[in-house]
Amino acid sequence: MQPAGPGSVAEAVAVQEELRPLVDLVGPGPSAPVAVAGLDVAYSRGGDLLAAAVTVLDARTLEVVDSAVSVGRPAFDYVPGLFAFRELPALLGALDRLSVVPDLLVCDGHGLAHPRRFGLACHLGVVTGLPAIGVGKTPLVGAWDPPADHRGAWSPLRDDGDVVGRVLRTHDGVKPVFVSVGHRMSLDNATAQVLALTPRYRLPETTRTADRLSRDALARAEHPD
C-alpha cells in the first residue's frame, strides 16, 4: 500500500521524523542475496514527467531476471533533503509490478547519508520492509578523505561527527561512490554488496540497468509514436 503524500514541506519533514526511528541500521542483511534490485528515475527535460524503473538481477550472474516501470508526474516539488517524496509513489508502483521479490534494494541515492538521516534508501526500506542501501554518485552531506586508488579502498563519510557512510573506490583510479545504509543492512555488508555489483564499471550493475530502463520508458512516454 502506498503512503499518502505530504501536502507541504513541514508535513514531509514530519513524515521523515516519524519514520526515521523505524530504520534498522544494524542488519546485518543478506550476505548472499539471490535477487538484487536496482531503482532509478528518469525525468523529462521540463521536470514534469518521470519514469521510475526497477530491475531485478540474479546476484550470481548479474543478468536481469525481472523488471518493471511506472510513468507519472513528480509527486512533490523539488526540495533539497525531500527528494524521496518526488519519486516514492512511482518507485513503489514499479515495485508492485514485479513478479520476483528482491532480497535487497539498491537505490541510486542515499540512505543514512542525509541531512535528517533519512534518505530515499531509508524511506523505501521502511515502507517496503526490504533490506536497502543507497549508492550515490555524488555526496549529499559529509566530509571525507580520498580513499586509496585501488578497488575496494574506502574512507569514512562523516557528518557532524557521525559516520554516515563510506566513500568507496569500485575500480582502480576511478571516482568513488558514496555508500550508505538504508534499512536492515550493516555498512560492512552494504560495502561488500556494492563491490559484488561492480565487476566491470564504477556504478553497480543494478543502477546501470535501471538507468537504461527508466530512460527508455521516459522516451516512449514522451514520444509514443
C-alpha atoms as a PDB file:
ATOM      1  CA  MET A   1       0.000   0.000   0.000  1.00  0.00           C
ATOM      2  CA  GLN A   2       1.418   3.370  -0.979  1.00  0.00           C
ATOM      3  CA  PRO A   3       1.546   6.096   1.672  1.00  0.00           C
ATOM      4  CA  ALA A   4      -0.366   9.325   1.139  1.00  0.00           C
ATOM      5  CA  GLY A   5       1.935  12.101   0.007  1.00  0.00           C
ATOM      6  CA  PRO A   6       2.569  15.136   2.193  1.00  0.00           C
ATOM      7  CA  GLY A   7       0.960  18.434   1.266  1.00  0.00           C
ATOM      8  CA  SER A   8       3.747  20.732   2.433  1.00  0.00           C
ATOM      9  CA  VAL A   9       7.426  20.867   3.319  1.00  0.00           C
ATOM     10  CA  ALA A  10       6.542  20.831   7.023  1.00  0.00           C
ATOM     11  CA  GLU A  11       4.426  17.711   6.562  1.00  0.00           C
ATOM     12  CA  ALA A  12       7.165  15.986   4.596  1.00  0.00           C
ATOM     13  CA  VAL A  13       9.761  16.721   7.280  1.00  0.00           C
ATOM     14  CA  ALA A  14       7.305  15.418   9.893  1.00  0.00           C
ATOM     15  CA  VAL A  15       6.943  12.165   7.951  1.00  0.00           C
ATOM     16  CA  GLN A  16      10.713  11.730   7.883  1.00  0.00           C
ATOM     17  CA  GLU A  17      10.969  12.401  11.603  1.00  0.00           C
ATOM     18  CA  GLU A  18       8.156   9.915  12.296  1.00  0.00           C
ATOM     19  CA  LEU A  19       9.614   7.117  10.179  1.00  0.00           C
ATOM     20  CA  ARG A  20      13.299   7.609  10.997  1.00  0.00           C
ATOM     21  CA  PRO A  21      13.200   5.633  14.286  1.00  0.00           C
ATOM     22  CA  LEU A  22      11.959   2.603  12.336  1.00  0.00           C
ATOM     23  CA  VAL A  23      15.192   2.332  10.340  1.00  0.00           C
ATOM     24  CA  ASP A  24      17.335  -0.720  11.143  1.00  0.00           C
ATOM     25  CA  LEU A  25      20.956   0.383  10.789  1.00  0.00           C
ATOM     26  CA  VAL A  26      22.404  -2.846  12.200  1.00  0.00           C
ATOM     27  CA  GLY A  27      21.215  -5.520   9.805  1.00  0.00           C
ATOM     28  CA  PRO A  28      23.380  -7.366   9.056  1.00  0.00           C
ATOM     29  CA  GLY A  29      21.265  -8.043   5.972  1.00  0.00           C
ATOM     30  CA  PRO A  30      21.663 -10.795   3.380  1.00  0.00           C
ATOM     31  CA  SER A  31      25.289 -11.747   2.830  1.00  0.00           C
ATOM     32  CA  ALA A  32      24.451 -13.852  -0.216  1.00  0.00           C
ATOM     33  CA  PRO A  33      21.327 -12.364  -1.791  1.00  0.00           C
ATOM     34  CA  VAL A  34      19.762 -14.268  -4.668  1.00  0.00           C
ATOM     35  CA  ALA A  35      17.924 -11.384  -6.327  1.00  0.00           C
ATOM     36  CA  VAL A  36      19.080  -7.765  -6.095  1.00  0.00           C
ATOM     37  CA  ALA A  37      17.008  -4.838  -7.350  1.00  0.00           C
ATOM     38  CA  GLY A  38      18.206  -1.553  -8.789  1.00  0.00           C
ATOM     39  CA  LEU A  39      15.969   1.514  -8.678  1.00  0.00           C
ATOM     40  CA  ASP A  40      16.339   4.670 -10.731  1.00  0.00           C
ATOM     41  CA  VAL A  41      14.189   7.514 -12.043  1.00  0.00           C
ATOM     42  CA  ALA A  42      14.499   9.493 -15.272  1.00  0.00           C
ATOM     43  CA  TYR A  43      12.986  12.978 -15.642  1.00  0.00           C
ATOM     44  CA  SER A  44      11.804  14.828 -18.704  1.00  0.00           C
ATOM     45  CA  ARG A  45      13.696  17.974 -19.603  1.00  0.00           C
ATOM     46  CA  GLY A  46      10.937  20.147 -18.137  1.00  0.00           C
ATOM     47  CA  GLY A  47      10.780  18.047 -14.995  1.00  0.00           C
ATOM     48  CA  ASP A  48       7.017  17.487 -15.242  1.00  0.00           C
ATOM     49  CA  LEU A  49       7.194  13.795 -16.204  1.00  0.00           C
ATOM     50  CA  LEU A  50       9.180  10.929 -14.734  1.00  0.00           C
ATOM     51  CA  ALA A  51       9.735   7.243 -15.350  1.00  0.00           C
ATOM     52  CA  ALA A  52      10.648   5.040 -12.396  1.00  0.00           C
ATOM     53  CA  ALA A  53      12.324   1.726 -13.172  1.00  0.00           C
ATOM     54  CA  VAL A  54      13.192  -1.328 -11.122  1.00  0.00           C
ATOM     55  CA  THR A  55      15.415  -4.083 -12.481  1.00  0.00           C
ATOM     56  CA  VAL A  56      15.973  -7.327 -10.576  1.00  0.00           C
ATOM     57  CA  LEU A  57      19.287  -9.057 -11.199  1.00  0.00           C
ATOM     58  CA  ASP A  58      20.451 -12.550 -10.432  1.00  0.00           C
ATOM     59  CA  ALA A  59      23.118 -11.754  -7.860  1.00  0.00           C
ATOM     60  CA  ARG A  60      25.384 -14.508  -9.167  1.00  0.00           C
ATOM     61  CA  THR A  61      25.297 -13.805 -12.908  1.00  0.00           C
ATOM     62  CA  LEU A  62      24.110 -10.153 -12.784  1.00  0.00           C
ATOM     63  CA  GLU A  63      21.604 -10.955 -15.518  1.00  0.00           C
ATOM     64  CA  VAL A  64      18.244  -9.179 -15.402  1.00  0.00           C
ATOM     65  CA  VAL A  65      15.514 -11.616 -14.317  1.00  0.00           C
ATOM     66  CA  ASP A  66      12.625  -9.182 -13.841  1.00  0.00           C
ATOM     67  CA  SER A  67      11.840  -5.524 -14.392  1.00  0.00           C
ATOM     68  CA  ALA A  68       9.013  -3.021 -14.159  1.00  0.00           C
ATOM     69  CA  VAL A  69       8.391   0.670 -14.821  1.00  0.00           C
ATOM     70  CA  SER A  70       5.944   3.295 -13.646  1.00  0.00           C
ATOM     71  CA  VAL A  71       5.466   6.571 -15.533  1.00  0.00           C
ATOM     72  CA  GLY A  72       3.834   9.606 -13.952  1.00  0.00           C
ATOM     73  CA  ARG A  73       4.201  13.086 -12.565  1.00  0.00           C
ATOM     74  CA  PRO A  74       6.547  14.028  -9.726  1.00  0.00           C
ATOM     75  CA  ALA A  75       4.592  13.705  -6.504  1.00  0.00           C
ATOM     76  CA  PHE A  76       6.284  16.610  -4.710  1.00  0.00           C
ATOM     77  CA  ASP A  77       8.147  19.800  -5.511  1.00  0.00           C
ATOM     78  CA  TYR A  78      11.918  19.746  -5.715  1.00  0.00           C
ATOM     79  CA  VAL A  79      13.156  20.498  -2.198  1.00  0.00           C
ATOM     80  CA  PRO A  80      16.684  19.531  -1.092  1.00  0.00           C
ATOM     81  CA  GLY A  81      16.522  16.771   1.513  1.00  0.00           C
ATOM     82  CA  LEU A  82      12.956  15.832   0.493  1.00  0.00           C
ATOM     83  CA  PHE A  83      13.734  14.346  -2.898  1.00  0.00           C
ATOM     84  CA  ALA A  84      12.310  10.948  -1.945  1.00  0.00           C
ATOM     85  CA  PHE A  85       8.791  12.350  -1.895  1.00  0.00           C
ATOM     86  CA  ARG A  86       9.038  13.184  -5.612  1.00  0.00           C
ATOM     87  CA  GLU A  87       9.919   9.627  -6.572  1.00  0.00           C
ATOM     88  CA  LEU A  88       8.479   7.333  -3.907  1.00  0.00           C
ATOM     89  CA  PRO A  89       4.977   6.773  -5.373  1.00  0.00           C
ATOM     90  CA  ALA A  90       6.334   5.903  -8.814  1.00  0.00           C
ATOM     91  CA  LEU A  91       9.054   3.635  -7.415  1.00  0.00           C
ATOM     92  CA  LEU A  92       6.536   1.812  -5.239  1.00  0.00           C
ATOM     93  CA  GLY A  93       4.293   1.448  -8.261  1.00  0.00           C
ATOM     94  CA  ALA A  94       7.122  -0.201 -10.185  1.00  0.00           C
ATOM     95  CA  LEU A  95       7.989  -2.460  -7.246  1.00  0.00           C
ATOM     96  CA  ASP A  96       4.360  -3.578  -7.031  1.00  0.00           C
ATOM     97  CA  ARG A  97       4.544  -4.777 -10.660  1.00  0.00           C
ATOM     98  CA  LEU A  98       7.466  -7.144 -10.078  1.00  0.00           C
ATOM     99  CA  SER A  99       6.929 -10.886 -10.106  1.00  0.00           C
ATOM    100  CA  VAL A 100      10.263 -11.553  -8.344  1.00  0.00           C
ATOM    101  CA  VAL A 101      10.607 -10.206  -4.802  1.00  0.00           C
ATOM    102  CA  PRO A 102      14.177  -8.907  -4.386  1.00  0.00           C
ATOM    103  CA  ASP A 103      16.341  -9.679  -1.367  1.00  0.00           C
ATOM    104  CA  LEU A 104      17.978  -6.240  -1.495  1.00  0.00           C
ATOM    105  CA  LEU A 105      17.124  -2.807  -2.885  1.00  0.00           C
ATOM    106  CA  VAL A 106      19.995  -0.733  -4.295  1.00  0.00           C
ATOM    107  CA  CYS A 107      18.906   2.882  -4.666  1.00  0.00           C
ATOM    108  CA  ASP A 108      20.505   5.495  -6.866  1.00  0.00           C
ATOM    109  CA  GLY A 109      20.791   7.930  -3.980  1.00  0.00           C
ATOM    110  CA  HIS A 110      21.418   7.949  -0.267  1.00  0.00           C
ATOM    111  CA  GLY A 111      20.207   6.365   2.929  1.00  0.00           C
ATOM    112  CA  LEU A 112      21.680   7.455   6.240  1.00  0.00           C
ATOM    113  CA  ALA A 113      23.934   9.989   4.470  1.00  0.00           C
ATOM    114  CA  HIS A 114      21.180  12.599   4.510  1.00  0.00           C
ATOM    115  CA  PRO A 115      20.644  15.843   6.470  1.00  0.00           C
ATOM    116  CA  ARG A 116      17.936  14.182   8.599  1.00  0.00           C
ATOM    117  CA  ARG A 117      19.469  10.698   8.331  1.00  0.00           C
ATOM    118  CA  PHE A 118      16.514   9.517   6.261  1.00  0.00           C
ATOM    119  CA  GLY A 119      17.252   9.481   2.550  1.00  0.00           C
ATOM    120  CA  LEU A 120      15.475   7.588  -0.224  1.00  0.00           C
ATOM    121  CA  ALA A 121      17.053   4.212   0.647  1.00  0.00           C
ATOM    122  CA  CYS A 122      15.858   4.522   4.264  1.00  0.00           C
ATOM    123  CA  HIS A 123      12.382   5.593   3.181  1.00  0.00           C
ATOM    124  CA  LEU A 124      11.986   2.758   0.669  1.00  0.00           C
ATOM    125  CA  GLY A 125      13.369   0.218   3.108  1.00  0.00           C
ATOM    126  CA  VAL A 126      10.996   1.193   5.899  1.00  0.00           C
ATOM    127  CA  VAL A 127       7.945   1.362   3.623  1.00  0.00           C
ATOM    128  CA  THR A 128       8.628  -1.971   1.880  1.00  0.00           C
ATOM    129  CA  GLY A 129      10.301  -3.779   4.787  1.00  0.00           C
ATOM    130  CA  LEU A 130      13.105  -4.883   2.454  1.00  0.00           C
ATOM    131  CA  PRO A 131      16.840  -4.500   3.088  1.00  0.00           C
ATOM    132  CA  ALA A 132      18.044  -1.395   1.258  1.00  0.00           C
ATOM    133  CA  ILE A 133      21.228   0.565   0.597  1.00  0.00           C
ATOM    134  CA  GLY A 134      21.998   3.840  -1.110  1.00  0.00           C
ATOM    135  CA  VAL A 135      24.757   4.276  -3.682  1.00  0.00           C
ATOM    136  CA  GLY A 136      25.215   7.894  -4.673  1.00  0.00           C
ATOM    137  CA  LYS A 137      27.324   9.262  -7.494  1.00  0.00           C
ATOM    138  CA  THR A 138      27.873  12.495  -5.553  1.00  0.00           C
ATOM    139  CA  PRO A 139      27.610  13.279  -1.830  1.00  0.00           C
ATOM    140  CA  LEU A 140      24.635  14.969  -0.217  1.00  0.00           C
ATOM    141  CA  VAL A 141      26.279  15.605   3.152  1.00  0.00           C
ATOM    142  CA  GLY A 142      29.549  14.993   4.911  1.00  0.00           C
ATOM    143  CA  ALA A 143      33.292  15.268   4.627  1.00  0.00           C
ATOM    144  CA  TRP A 144      35.846  12.586   3.796  1.00  0.00           C
ATOM    145  CA  ASP A 145      39.431  11.882   2.906  1.00  0.00           C
ATOM    146  CA  PRO A 146      40.006  10.434  -0.553  1.00  0.00           C
ATOM    147  CA  PRO A 147      40.306   6.637  -0.406  1.00  0.00           C
ATOM    148  CA  ALA A 148      43.345   4.908  -1.868  1.00  0.00           C
ATOM    149  CA  ASP A 149      43.327   4.441  -5.645  1.00  0.00           C
ATOM    150  CA  HIS A 150      42.761   0.670  -5.718  1.00  0.00           C
ATOM    151  CA  ARG A 151      39.450  -1.187  -5.993  1.00  0.00           C
ATOM    152  CA  GLY A 152      37.874  -1.843  -2.600  1.00  0.00           C
ATOM    153  CA  ALA A 153      39.576   1.063  -0.837  1.00  0.00           C
ATOM    154  CA  TRP A 154      37.268   3.248   1.217  1.00  0.00           C
ATOM    155  CA  SER A 155      37.225   6.059   3.717  1.00  0.00           C
ATOM    156  CA  PRO A 156      34.511   7.015   6.198  1.00  0.00           C
ATOM    157  CA  LEU A 157      31.942   9.626   5.237  1.00  0.00           C
ATOM    158  CA  ARG A 158      31.345  11.790   8.305  1.00  0.00           C
ATOM    159  CA  ASP A 159      28.718  14.400   9.052  1.00  0.00           C
ATOM    160  CA  ASP A 160      28.524  16.335  12.324  1.00  0.00           C
ATOM    161  CA  GLY A 161      30.775  13.768  13.959  1.00  0.00           C
ATOM    162  CA  ASP A 162      28.730  10.760  12.796  1.00  0.00           C
ATOM    163  CA  VAL A 163      29.879   8.138  10.316  1.00  0.00           C
ATOM    164  CA  VAL A 164      27.008   8.150   7.822  1.00  0.00           C
ATOM    165  CA  GLY A 165      28.549   6.053   5.049  1.00  0.00           C
ATOM    166  CA  ARG A 166      31.650   5.164   3.094  1.00  0.00           C
ATOM    167  CA  VAL A 167      33.417   6.677   0.130  1.00  0.00           C
ATOM    168  CA  LEU A 168      34.185   3.536  -1.876  1.00  0.00           C
ATOM    169  CA  ARG A 169      36.535   3.041  -4.814  1.00  0.00           C
ATOM    170  CA  THR A 170      34.907   0.408  -7.020  1.00  0.00           C
ATOM    171  CA  HIS A 171      37.748   0.302  -9.572  1.00  0.00           C
ATOM    172  CA  ASP A 172      41.365   1.357  -9.685  1.00  0.00           C
ATOM    173  CA  GLY A 173      41.737   5.057 -10.349  1.00  0.00           C
ATOM    174  CA  VAL A 174      38.032   5.852 -10.929  1.00  0.00           C
ATOM    175  CA  LYS A 175      35.930   8.309  -8.945  1.00  0.00           C
ATOM    176  CA  PRO A 176      34.498   6.743  -5.792  1.00  0.00           C
ATOM    177  CA  VAL A 177      30.828   6.206  -4.995  1.00  0.00           C
ATOM    178  CA  PHE A 178      29.056   7.096  -1.756  1.00  0.00           C
ATOM    179  CA  VAL A 179      27.583   4.106   0.041  1.00  0.00           C
ATOM    180  CA  SER A 180      25.183   4.364   2.968  1.00  0.00           C
ATOM    181  CA  VAL A 181      22.851   2.060   4.832  1.00  0.00           C
ATOM    182  CA  GLY A 182      19.161   2.333   4.039  1.00  0.00           C
ATOM    183  CA  HIS A 183      17.426  -0.334   6.120  1.00  0.00           C
ATOM    184  CA  ARG A 184      18.177  -3.787   7.574  1.00  0.00           C
ATOM    185  CA  MET A 185      21.803  -3.699   6.429  1.00  0.00           C
ATOM    186  CA  SER A 186      25.174  -3.165   8.050  1.00  0.00           C
ATOM    187  CA  LEU A 187      27.648  -0.770   6.464  1.00  0.00           C
ATOM    188  CA  ASP A 188      30.183  -3.589   6.051  1.00  0.00           C
ATOM    189  CA  ASN A 189      27.652  -5.691   4.180  1.00  0.00           C
ATOM    190  CA  ALA A 190      26.479  -2.733   2.097  1.00  0.00           C
ATOM    191  CA  THR A 191      30.079  -2.158   1.021  1.00  0.00           C
ATOM    192  CA  ALA A 192      30.552  -5.828   0.159  1.00  0.00           C
ATOM    193  CA  GLN A 193      27.375  -5.923  -1.913  1.00  0.00           C
ATOM    194  CA  VAL A 194      28.354  -2.808  -3.889  1.00  0.00           C
ATOM    195  CA  LEU A 195      31.709  -4.364  -4.733  1.00  0.00           C
ATOM    196  CA  ALA A 196      29.970  -7.566  -5.843  1.00  0.00           C
ATOM    197  CA  LEU A 197      27.740  -5.495  -8.138  1.00  0.00           C
ATOM    198  CA  THR A 198      30.615  -3.575  -9.772  1.00  0.00           C
ATOM    199  CA  PRO A 199      32.775  -6.168 -11.548  1.00  0.00           C
ATOM    200  CA  ARG A 200      33.278  -4.015 -14.661  1.00  0.00           C
ATOM    201  CA  TYR A 201      32.170  -0.439 -14.124  1.00  0.00           C
ATOM    202  CA  ARG A 202      32.161   2.292 -11.494  1.00  0.00           C
ATOM    203  CA  LEU A 203      28.421   2.032 -10.799  1.00  0.00           C
ATOM    204  CA  PRO A 204      26.566  -1.120  -9.726  1.00  0.00           C
ATOM    205  CA  GLU A 205      25.000  -3.177 -12.500  1.00  0.00           C
ATOM    206  CA  THR A 206      21.691  -2.675 -10.697  1.00  0.00           C
ATOM    207  CA  THR A 207      21.949   1.085 -11.184  1.00  0.00           C
ATOM    208  CA  ARG A 208      23.143   0.801 -14.766  1.00  0.00           C
ATOM    209  CA  THR A 209      20.285  -1.466 -15.849  1.00  0.00           C
ATOM    210  CA  ALA A 210      17.638   0.569 -14.016  1.00  0.00           C
ATOM    211  CA  ASP A 211      19.008   3.775 -15.520  1.00  0.00           C
ATOM    212  CA  ARG A 212      18.735   2.395 -19.055  1.00  0.00           C
ATOM    213  CA  LEU A 213      15.214   1.096 -18.450  1.00  0.00           C
ATOM    214  CA  SER A 214      13.994   4.371 -16.944  1.00  0.00           C
ATOM    215  CA  ARG A 215      15.408   6.389 -19.846  1.00  0.00           C
ATOM    216  CA  ASP A 216      13.844   4.068 -22.404  1.00  0.00           C
ATOM    217  CA  ALA A 217      10.462   4.215 -20.633  1.00  0.00           C
ATOM    218  CA  LEU A 218      10.605   8.004 -20.484  1.00  0.00           C
ATOM    219  CA  ALA A 219      11.435   8.230 -24.187  1.00  0.00           C
ATOM    220  CA  ARG A 220       8.454   6.032 -25.031  1.00  0.00           C
ATOM    221  CA  ALA A 221       6.165   8.139 -22.842  1.00  0.00           C
ATOM    222  CA  GLU A 222       7.362  11.387 -24.408  1.00  0.00           C
ATOM    223  CA  HIS A 223       7.212  10.062 -27.970  1.00  0.00           C
ATOM    224  CA  PRO A 224       4.554   7.317 -28.052  1.00  0.00           C
ATOM    225  CA  ASP A 225       4.583   7.159 -31.848  1.00  0.00           C
END
